Amino acid sequence: FLLPYFLKYKWNILSLISAGILIIPVSSIFDNYYFSQFHLVLLGWLYGWSLLILLISIISKGKSYGYIDEKAH
């Protein structure tokens, strides 16, 4: 579902990081997230972290391109 976004808009560093995380295969994440609580939070939520980074990227692009109005009406 994110492919249209990645193909339509210019990439910044946050989009590149998010895309890099999303390239990691699901099987490698499932093989390694159960070792400890740290691995569960970091690796088990890896795709969630990637989506959060992508959301920050989208919001920052909106402000830089003037899509998000600075003044609340």
PDB file of N, CA and C in Angstrom:
ATOM      1  N   PHE A   1       0.807  -1.199   0.000  1.00  0.00           N
ATOM      2  CA  PHE A   1       0.000   0.000   0.000  1.00  0.00           C
ATOM      3  C   PHE A   1       0.855   1.270   0.000  1.00  0.00           C
ATOM      4  N   LEU A   2       2.105   1.161   0.348  1.00  0.00           N
ATOM      5  CA  LEU A   2       2.979   2.335   0.373  1.00  0.00           C
ATOM      6  C   LEU A   2       3.689   2.574  -0.950  1.00  0.00           C
ATOM      7  N   LEU A   3       3.636   1.633  -1.853  1.00  0.00           N
ATOM      8  CA  LEU A   3       4.344   1.762  -3.120  1.00  0.00           C
ATOM      9  C   LEU A   3       3.945   3.012  -3.907  1.00  0.00           C
ATOM     10  N   PRO A   4       2.663   3.373  -4.002  1.00  0.00           N
ATOM     11  CA  PRO A   4       2.333   4.612  -4.725  1.00  0.00           C
ATOM     12  C   PRO A   4       2.982   5.853  -4.112  1.00  0.00           C
ATOM     13  N   TYR A   5       3.073   5.885  -2.794  1.00  0.00           N
ATOM     14  CA  TYR A   5       3.731   7.030  -2.161  1.00  0.00           C
ATOM     15  C   TYR A   5       5.203   7.081  -2.548  1.00  0.00           C
ATOM     16  N   PHE A   6       5.875   5.940  -2.478  1.00  0.00           N
ATOM     17  CA  PHE A   6       7.298   5.911  -2.791  1.00  0.00           C
ATOM     18  C   PHE A   6       7.566   6.229  -4.260  1.00  0.00           C
ATOM     19  N   LEU A   7       6.642   5.927  -5.149  1.00  0.00           N
ATOM     20  CA  LEU A   7       6.847   6.195  -6.564  1.00  0.00           C
ATOM     21  C   LEU A   7       6.453   7.615  -6.970  1.00  0.00           C
ATOM     22  N   LYS A   8       5.551   8.249  -6.235  1.00  0.00           N
ATOM     23  CA  LYS A   8       5.035   9.551  -6.643  1.00  0.00           C
ATOM     24  C   LYS A   8       5.871  10.716  -6.131  1.00  0.00           C
ATOM     25  N   TYR A   9       6.330  10.651  -4.888  1.00  0.00           N
ATOM     26  CA  TYR A   9       6.972  11.803  -4.265  1.00  0.00           C
ATOM     27  C   TYR A   9       8.487  11.658  -4.236  1.00  0.00           C
ATOM     28  N   LYS A  10       9.147  12.806  -4.150  1.00  0.00           N
ATOM     29  CA  LYS A  10      10.598  12.802  -3.999  1.00  0.00           C
ATOM     30  C   LYS A  10      10.960  12.249  -2.632  1.00  0.00           C
ATOM     31  N   TRP A  11      12.075  11.549  -2.584  1.00  0.00           N
ATOM     32  CA  TRP A  11      12.512  10.944  -1.335  1.00  0.00           C
ATOM     33  C   TRP A  11      13.432  11.896  -0.592  1.00  0.00           C
ATOM     34  N   ASN A  12      13.240  11.976   0.713  1.00  0.00           N
ATOM     35  CA  ASN A  12      14.210  12.647   1.566  1.00  0.00           C
ATOM     36  C   ASN A  12      14.898  11.564   2.397  1.00  0.00           C
ATOM     37  N   ILE A  13      15.728  11.953   3.318  1.00  0.00           N
ATOM     38  CA  ILE A  13      16.498  10.967   4.082  1.00  0.00           C
ATOM     39  C   ILE A  13      15.581  10.082   4.935  1.00  0.00           C
ATOM     40  N   LEU A  14      14.501  10.627   5.467  1.00  0.00           N
ATOM     41  CA  LEU A  14      13.590   9.818   6.275  1.00  0.00           C
ATOM     42  C   LEU A  14      12.840   8.794   5.430  1.00  0.00           C
ATOM     43  N   SER A  15      12.461   9.179   4.216  1.00  0.00           N
ATOM     44  CA  SER A  15      11.815   8.224   3.314  1.00  0.00           C
ATOM     45  C   SER A  15      12.770   7.108   2.925  1.00  0.00           C
ATOM     46  N   LEU A  16      14.030   7.459   2.740  1.00  0.00           N
ATOM     47  CA  LEU A  16      15.035   6.467   2.397  1.00  0.00           C
ATOM     48  C   LEU A  16      15.259   5.479   3.542  1.00  0.00           C
ATOM     49  N   ILE A  17      15.297   5.980   4.768  1.00  0.00           N
ATOM     50  CA  ILE A  17      15.446   5.102   5.935  1.00  0.00           C
ATOM     51  C   ILE A  17      14.248   4.172   6.058  1.00  0.00           C
ATOM     52  N   SER A  18      13.058   4.724   5.889  1.00  0.00           N
ATOM     53  CA  SER A  18      11.841   3.917   5.981  1.00  0.00           C
ATOM     54  C   SER A  18      11.811   2.831   4.907  1.00  0.00           C
ATOM     55  N   ALA A  19      12.178   3.183   3.694  1.00  0.00           N
ATOM     56  CA  ALA A  19      12.203   2.194   2.611  1.00  0.00           C
ATOM     57  C   ALA A  19      13.246   1.117   2.885  1.00  0.00           C
ATOM     58  N   GLY A  20      14.374   1.522   3.444  1.00  0.00           N
ATOM     59  CA  GLY A  20      15.421   0.551   3.785  1.00  0.00           C
ATOM     60  C   GLY A  20      14.966  -0.443   4.832  1.00  0.00           C
ATOM     61  N   ILE A  21      14.210   0.033   5.809  1.00  0.00           N
ATOM     62  CA  ILE A  21      13.683  -0.859   6.843  1.00  0.00           C
ATOM     63  C   ILE A  21      12.639  -1.807   6.249  1.00  0.00           C
ATOM     64  N   LEU A  22      11.803  -1.294   5.354  1.00  0.00           N
ATOM     65  CA  LEU A  22      10.744  -2.118   4.770  1.00  0.00           C
ATOM     66  C   LEU A  22      11.278  -3.190   3.830  1.00  0.00           C
ATOM     67  N   ILE A  23      12.523  -3.075   3.406  1.00  0.00           N
ATOM     68  CA  ILE A  23      13.121  -4.085   2.535  1.00  0.00           C
ATOM     69  C   ILE A  23      13.481  -5.351   3.312  1.00  0.00           C
ATOM     70  N   ILE A  24      13.678  -5.239   4.613  1.00  0.00           N
ATOM     71  CA  ILE A  24      14.063  -6.388   5.439  1.00  0.00           C
ATOM     72  C   ILE A  24      12.951  -7.436   5.396  1.00  0.00           C
ATOM     73  N   PRO A  25      13.270  -8.684   5.083  1.00  0.00           N
ATOM     74  CA  PRO A  25      12.237  -9.724   4.995  1.00  0.00           C
ATOM     75  C   PRO A  25      11.574 -10.015   6.348  1.00  0.00           C
ATOM     76  N   VAL A  26      10.302 -10.319   6.297  1.00  0.00           N
ATOM     77  CA  VAL A  26       9.534 -10.608   7.509  1.00  0.00           C
ATOM     78  C   VAL A  26      10.097 -11.829   8.231  1.00  0.00           C
ATOM     79  N   SER A  27      10.548 -12.814   7.496  1.00  0.00           N
ATOM     80  CA  SER A  27      11.058 -14.033   8.135  1.00  0.00           C
ATOM     81  C   SER A  27      12.284 -13.760   8.991  1.00  0.00           C
ATOM     82  N   SER A  28      13.154 -12.850   8.567  1.00  0.00           N
ATOM     83  CA  SER A  28      14.322 -12.539   9.393  1.00  0.00           C
ATOM     84  C   SER A  28      13.929 -11.778  10.654  1.00  0.00           C
ATOM     85  N   ILE A  29      12.883 -10.998  10.590  1.00  0.00           N
ATOM     86  CA  ILE A  29      12.401 -10.297  11.783  1.00  0.00           C
ATOM     87  C   ILE A  29      11.792 -11.305  12.758  1.00  0.00           C
ATOM     88  N   PHE A  30      10.986 -12.221  12.264  1.00  0.00           N
ATOM     89  CA  PHE A  30      10.354 -13.216  13.126  1.00  0.00           C
ATOM     90  C   PHE A  30      11.369 -14.174  13.742  1.00  0.00           C
ATOM     91  N   ASP A  31      12.471 -14.411  13.053  1.00  0.00           N
ATOM     92  CA  ASP A  31      13.497 -15.314  13.590  1.00  0.00           C
ATOM     93  C   ASP A  31      14.274 -14.706  14.748  1.00  0.00           C
ATOM     94  N   ASN A  32      14.293 -13.383  14.873  1.00  0.00           N
ATOM     95  CA  ASN A  32      15.191 -12.741  15.831  1.00  0.00           C
ATOM     96  C   ASN A  32      14.520 -11.905  16.917  1.00  0.00           C
ATOM     97  N   TYR A  33      13.222 -11.714  16.895  1.00  0.00           N
ATOM     98  CA  TYR A  33      12.638 -10.772  17.839  1.00  0.00           C
ATOM     99  C   TYR A  33      12.366 -11.370  19.223  1.00  0.00           C
ATOM    100  N   TYR A  34      12.443 -12.666  19.401  1.00  0.00           N
ATOM    101  CA  TYR A  34      12.037 -13.273  20.670  1.00  0.00           C
ATOM    102  C   TYR A  34      13.207 -13.497  21.632  1.00  0.00           C
ATOM    103  N   PHE A  35      14.415 -13.061  21.316  1.00  0.00           N
ATOM    104  CA  PHE A  35      15.569 -13.309  22.176  1.00  0.00           C
ATOM    105  C   PHE A  35      15.460 -12.603  23.535  1.00  0.00           C
ATOM    106  N   SER A  36      15.037 -11.360  23.542  1.00  0.00           N
ATOM    107  CA  SER A  36      14.918 -10.603  24.794  1.00  0.00           C
ATOM    108  C   SER A  36      13.852  -9.530  24.618  1.00  0.00           C
ATOM    109  N   GLN A  37      13.559  -8.830  25.698  1.00  0.00           N
ATOM    110  CA  GLN A  37      12.574  -7.752  25.641  1.00  0.00           C
ATOM    111  C   GLN A  37      13.056  -6.633  24.715  1.00  0.00           C
ATOM    112  N   PHE A  38      14.358  -6.368  24.730  1.00  0.00           N
ATOM    113  CA  PHE A  38      14.931  -5.353  23.846  1.00  0.00           C
ATOM    114  C   PHE A  38      14.720  -5.730  22.380  1.00  0.00           C
ATOM    115  N   HIS A  39      14.971  -6.979  22.041  1.00  0.00           N
ATOM    116  CA  HIS A  39      14.757  -7.433  20.670  1.00  0.00           C
ATOM    117  C   HIS A  39      13.282  -7.373  20.282  1.00  0.00           C
ATOM    118  N   LEU A  40      12.411  -7.667  21.236  1.00  0.00           N
ATOM    119  CA  LEU A  40      10.984  -7.609  20.958  1.00  0.00           C
ATOM    120  C   LEU A  40      10.559  -6.190  20.600  1.00  0.00           C
ATOM    121  N   VAL A  41      11.032  -5.210  21.369  1.00  0.00           N
ATOM    122  CA  VAL A  41      10.647  -3.821  21.114  1.00  0.00           C
ATOM    123  C   VAL A  41      11.297  -3.293  19.840  1.00  0.00           C
ATOM    124  N   LEU A  42      12.567  -3.576  19.663  1.00  0.00           N
ATOM    125  CA  LEU A  42      13.271  -3.033  18.512  1.00  0.00           C
ATOM    126  C   LEU A  42      12.937  -3.769  17.218  1.00  0.00           C
ATOM    127  N   LEU A  43      13.039  -5.081  17.219  1.00  0.00           N
ATOM    128  CA  LEU A  43      12.834  -5.842  15.992  1.00  0.00           C
ATOM    129  C   LEU A  43      11.380  -6.224  15.748  1.00  0.00           C
ATOM    130  N   GLY A  44      10.647  -6.511  16.809  1.00  0.00           N
ATOM    131  CA  GLY A  44       9.251  -6.903  16.642  1.00  0.00           C
ATOM    132  C   GLY A  44       8.389  -5.783  16.105  1.00  0.00           C
ATOM    133  N   TRP A  45       8.787  -4.553  16.382  1.00  0.00           N
ATOM    134  CA  TRP A  45       8.029  -3.399  15.917  1.00  0.00           C
ATOM    135  C   TRP A  45       8.738  -2.677  14.785  1.00  0.00           C
ATOM    136  N   LEU A  46       9.617  -3.373  14.075  1.00  0.00           N
ATOM    137  CA  LEU A  46      10.440  -2.728  13.058  1.00  0.00           C
ATOM    138  C   LEU A  46       9.607  -2.076  11.961  1.00  0.00           C
ATOM    139  N   TYR A  47       8.595  -2.763  11.491  1.00  0.00           N
ATOM    140  CA  TYR A  47       7.749  -2.164  10.457  1.00  0.00           C
ATOM    141  C   TYR A  47       6.928  -1.007  11.026  1.00  0.00           C
ATOM    142  N   GLY A  48       6.545  -1.106  12.271  1.00  0.00           N
ATOM    143  CA  GLY A  48       5.854   0.014  12.925  1.00  0.00           C
ATOM    144  C   GLY A  48       6.749   1.235  13.033  1.00  0.00           C
ATOM    145  N   TRP A  49       8.016   0.996  13.390  1.00  0.00           N
ATOM    146  CA  TRP A  49       8.978   2.108  13.447  1.00  0.00           C
ATOM    147  C   TRP A  49       9.142   2.724  12.059  1.00  0.00           C
ATOM    148  N   SER A  50       9.174   1.894  11.043  1.00  0.00           N
ATOM    149  CA  SER A  50       9.324   2.390   9.690  1.00  0.00           C
ATOM    150  C   SER A  50       8.131   3.258   9.282  1.00  0.00           C
ATOM    151  N   LEU A  51       6.940   2.831   9.629  1.00  0.00           N
ATOM    152  CA  LEU A  51       5.754   3.630   9.304  1.00  0.00           C
ATOM    153  C   LEU A  51       5.739   4.948  10.073  1.00  0.00           C
ATOM    154  N   LEU A  52       6.219   4.931  11.303  1.00  0.00           N
ATOM    155  CA  LEU A  52       6.301   6.165  12.083  1.00  0.00           C
ATOM    156  C   LEU A  52       7.306   7.129  11.460  1.00  0.00           C
ATOM    157  N   ILE A  53       8.446   6.623  11.024  1.00  0.00           N
ATOM    158  CA  ILE A  53       9.439   7.465  10.343  1.00  0.00           C
ATOM    159  C   ILE A  53       8.862   8.030   9.054  1.00  0.00           C
ATOM    160  N   LEU A  54       8.116   7.215   8.316  1.00  0.00           N
ATOM    161  CA  LEU A  54       7.500   7.677   7.077  1.00  0.00           C
ATOM    162  C   LEU A  54       6.438   8.742   7.349  1.00  0.00           C
ATOM    163  N   LEU A  55       5.689   8.603   8.413  1.00  0.00           N
ATOM    164  CA  LEU A  55       4.698   9.618   8.777  1.00  0.00           C
ATOM    165  C   LEU A  55       5.376  10.940   9.099  1.00  0.00           C
ATOM    166  N   ILE A  56       6.468  10.895   9.833  1.00  0.00           N
ATOM    167  CA  ILE A  56       7.222  12.113  10.133  1.00  0.00           C
ATOM    168  C   ILE A  56       7.733  12.739   8.838  1.00  0.00           C
ATOM    169  N   SER A  57       8.181  11.922   7.908  1.00  0.00           N
ATOM    170  CA  SER A  57       8.648  12.420   6.620  1.00  0.00           C
ATOM    171  C   SER A  57       7.527  13.111   5.855  1.00  0.00           C
ATOM    172  N   ILE A  58       6.355  12.510   5.848  1.00  0.00           N
ATOM    173  CA  ILE A  58       5.215  13.087   5.124  1.00  0.00           C
ATOM    174  C   ILE A  58       4.798  14.412   5.745  1.00  0.00           C
ATOM    175  N   ILE A  59       4.772  14.470   7.053  1.00  0.00           N
ATOM    176  CA  ILE A  59       4.383  15.715   7.735  1.00  0.00           C
ATOM    177  C   ILE A  59       5.408  16.805   7.470  1.00  0.00           C
ATOM    178  N   SER A  60       6.689  16.464   7.516  1.00  0.00           N
ATOM    179  CA  SER A  60       7.709  17.480   7.268  1.00  0.00           C
ATOM    180  C   SER A  60       7.693  17.947   5.813  1.00  0.00           C
ATOM    181  N   LYS A  61       7.403  17.058   4.873  1.00  0.00           N
ATOM    182  CA  LYS A  61       7.281  17.460   3.468  1.00  0.00           C
ATOM    183  C   LYS A  61       6.087  18.391   3.276  1.00  0.00           C
ATOM    184  N   GLY A  62       5.001  18.098   3.960  1.00  0.00           N
ATOM    185  CA  GLY A  62       3.821  18.944   3.836  1.00  0.00           C
ATOM    186  C   GLY A  62       4.085  20.347   4.307  1.00  0.00           C
ATOM    187  N   LYS A  63       4.835  20.497   5.381  1.00  0.00           N
ATOM    188  CA  LYS A  63       5.160  21.831   5.878  1.00  0.00           C
ATOM    189  C   LYS A  63       6.132  22.532   4.946  1.00  0.00           C
ATOM    190  N   SER A  64       7.089  21.816   4.390  1.00  0.00           N
ATOM    191  CA  SER A  64       8.078  22.465   3.530  1.00  0.00           C
ATOM    192  C   SER A  64       7.492  22.853   2.177  1.00  0.00           C
ATOM    193  N   TYR A  65       6.521  22.120   1.679  1.00  0.00           N
ATOM    194  CA  TYR A  65       5.900  22.449   0.401  1.00  0.00           C
ATOM    195  C   TYR A  65       4.698  23.376   0.551  1.00  0.00           C
ATOM    196  N   GLY A  66       4.346  23.734   1.760  1.00  0.00           N
ATOM    197  CA  GLY A  66       3.238  24.651   1.976  1.00  0.00           C
ATOM    198  C   GLY A  66       1.872  23.999   1.945  1.00  0.00           C
ATOM    199  N   TYR A  67       1.821  22.658   2.047  1.00  0.00           N
ATOM    200  CA  TYR A  67       0.539  21.981   2.041  1.00  0.00           C
ATOM    201  C   TYR A  67      -0.188  22.103   3.369  1.00  0.00           C
ATOM    202  N   ILE A  68       0.564  22.217   4.433  1.00  0.00           N
ATOM    203  CA  ILE A  68      -0.032  22.352   5.762  1.00  0.00           C
ATOM    204  C   ILE A  68      -0.001  23.834   6.134  1.00  0.00           C
ATOM    205  N   ASP A  69      -1.149  24.401   6.366  1.00  0.00           N
ATOM    206  CA  ASP A  69      -1.255  25.803   6.670  1.00  0.00           C
ATOM    207  C   ASP A  69      -0.713  26.075   8.073  1.00  0.00           C
ATOM    208  N   GLU A  70       0.157  27.054   8.187  1.00  0.00           N
ATOM    209  CA  GLU A  70       0.737  27.382   9.484  1.00  0.00           C
ATOM    210  C   GLU A  70      -0.268  28.077  10.395  1.00  0.00           C
ATOM    211  N   LYS A  71      -1.214  28.818   9.807  1.00  0.00           N
ATOM    212  CA  LYS A  71      -2.196  29.551  10.601  1.00  0.00           C
ATOM    213  C   LYS A  71      -3.474  28.725  10.717  1.00  0.00           C
ATOM    214  N   ALA A  72      -3.975  28.614  11.899  1.00  0.00           N
ATOM    215  CA  ALA A  72      -5.250  27.895  12.106  1.00  0.00           C
ATOM    216  C   ALA A  72      -6.392  28.895  11.920  1.00  0.00           C
ATOM    217  N   HIS A  73      -7.318  28.560  11.036  1.00  0.00           N
ATOM    218  CA  HIS A  73      -8.445  29.458  10.778  1.00  0.00           C
ATOM    219  C   HIS A  73      -9.632  29.014  11.577  1.00  0.00           C
TER     220      HIS A  73
END
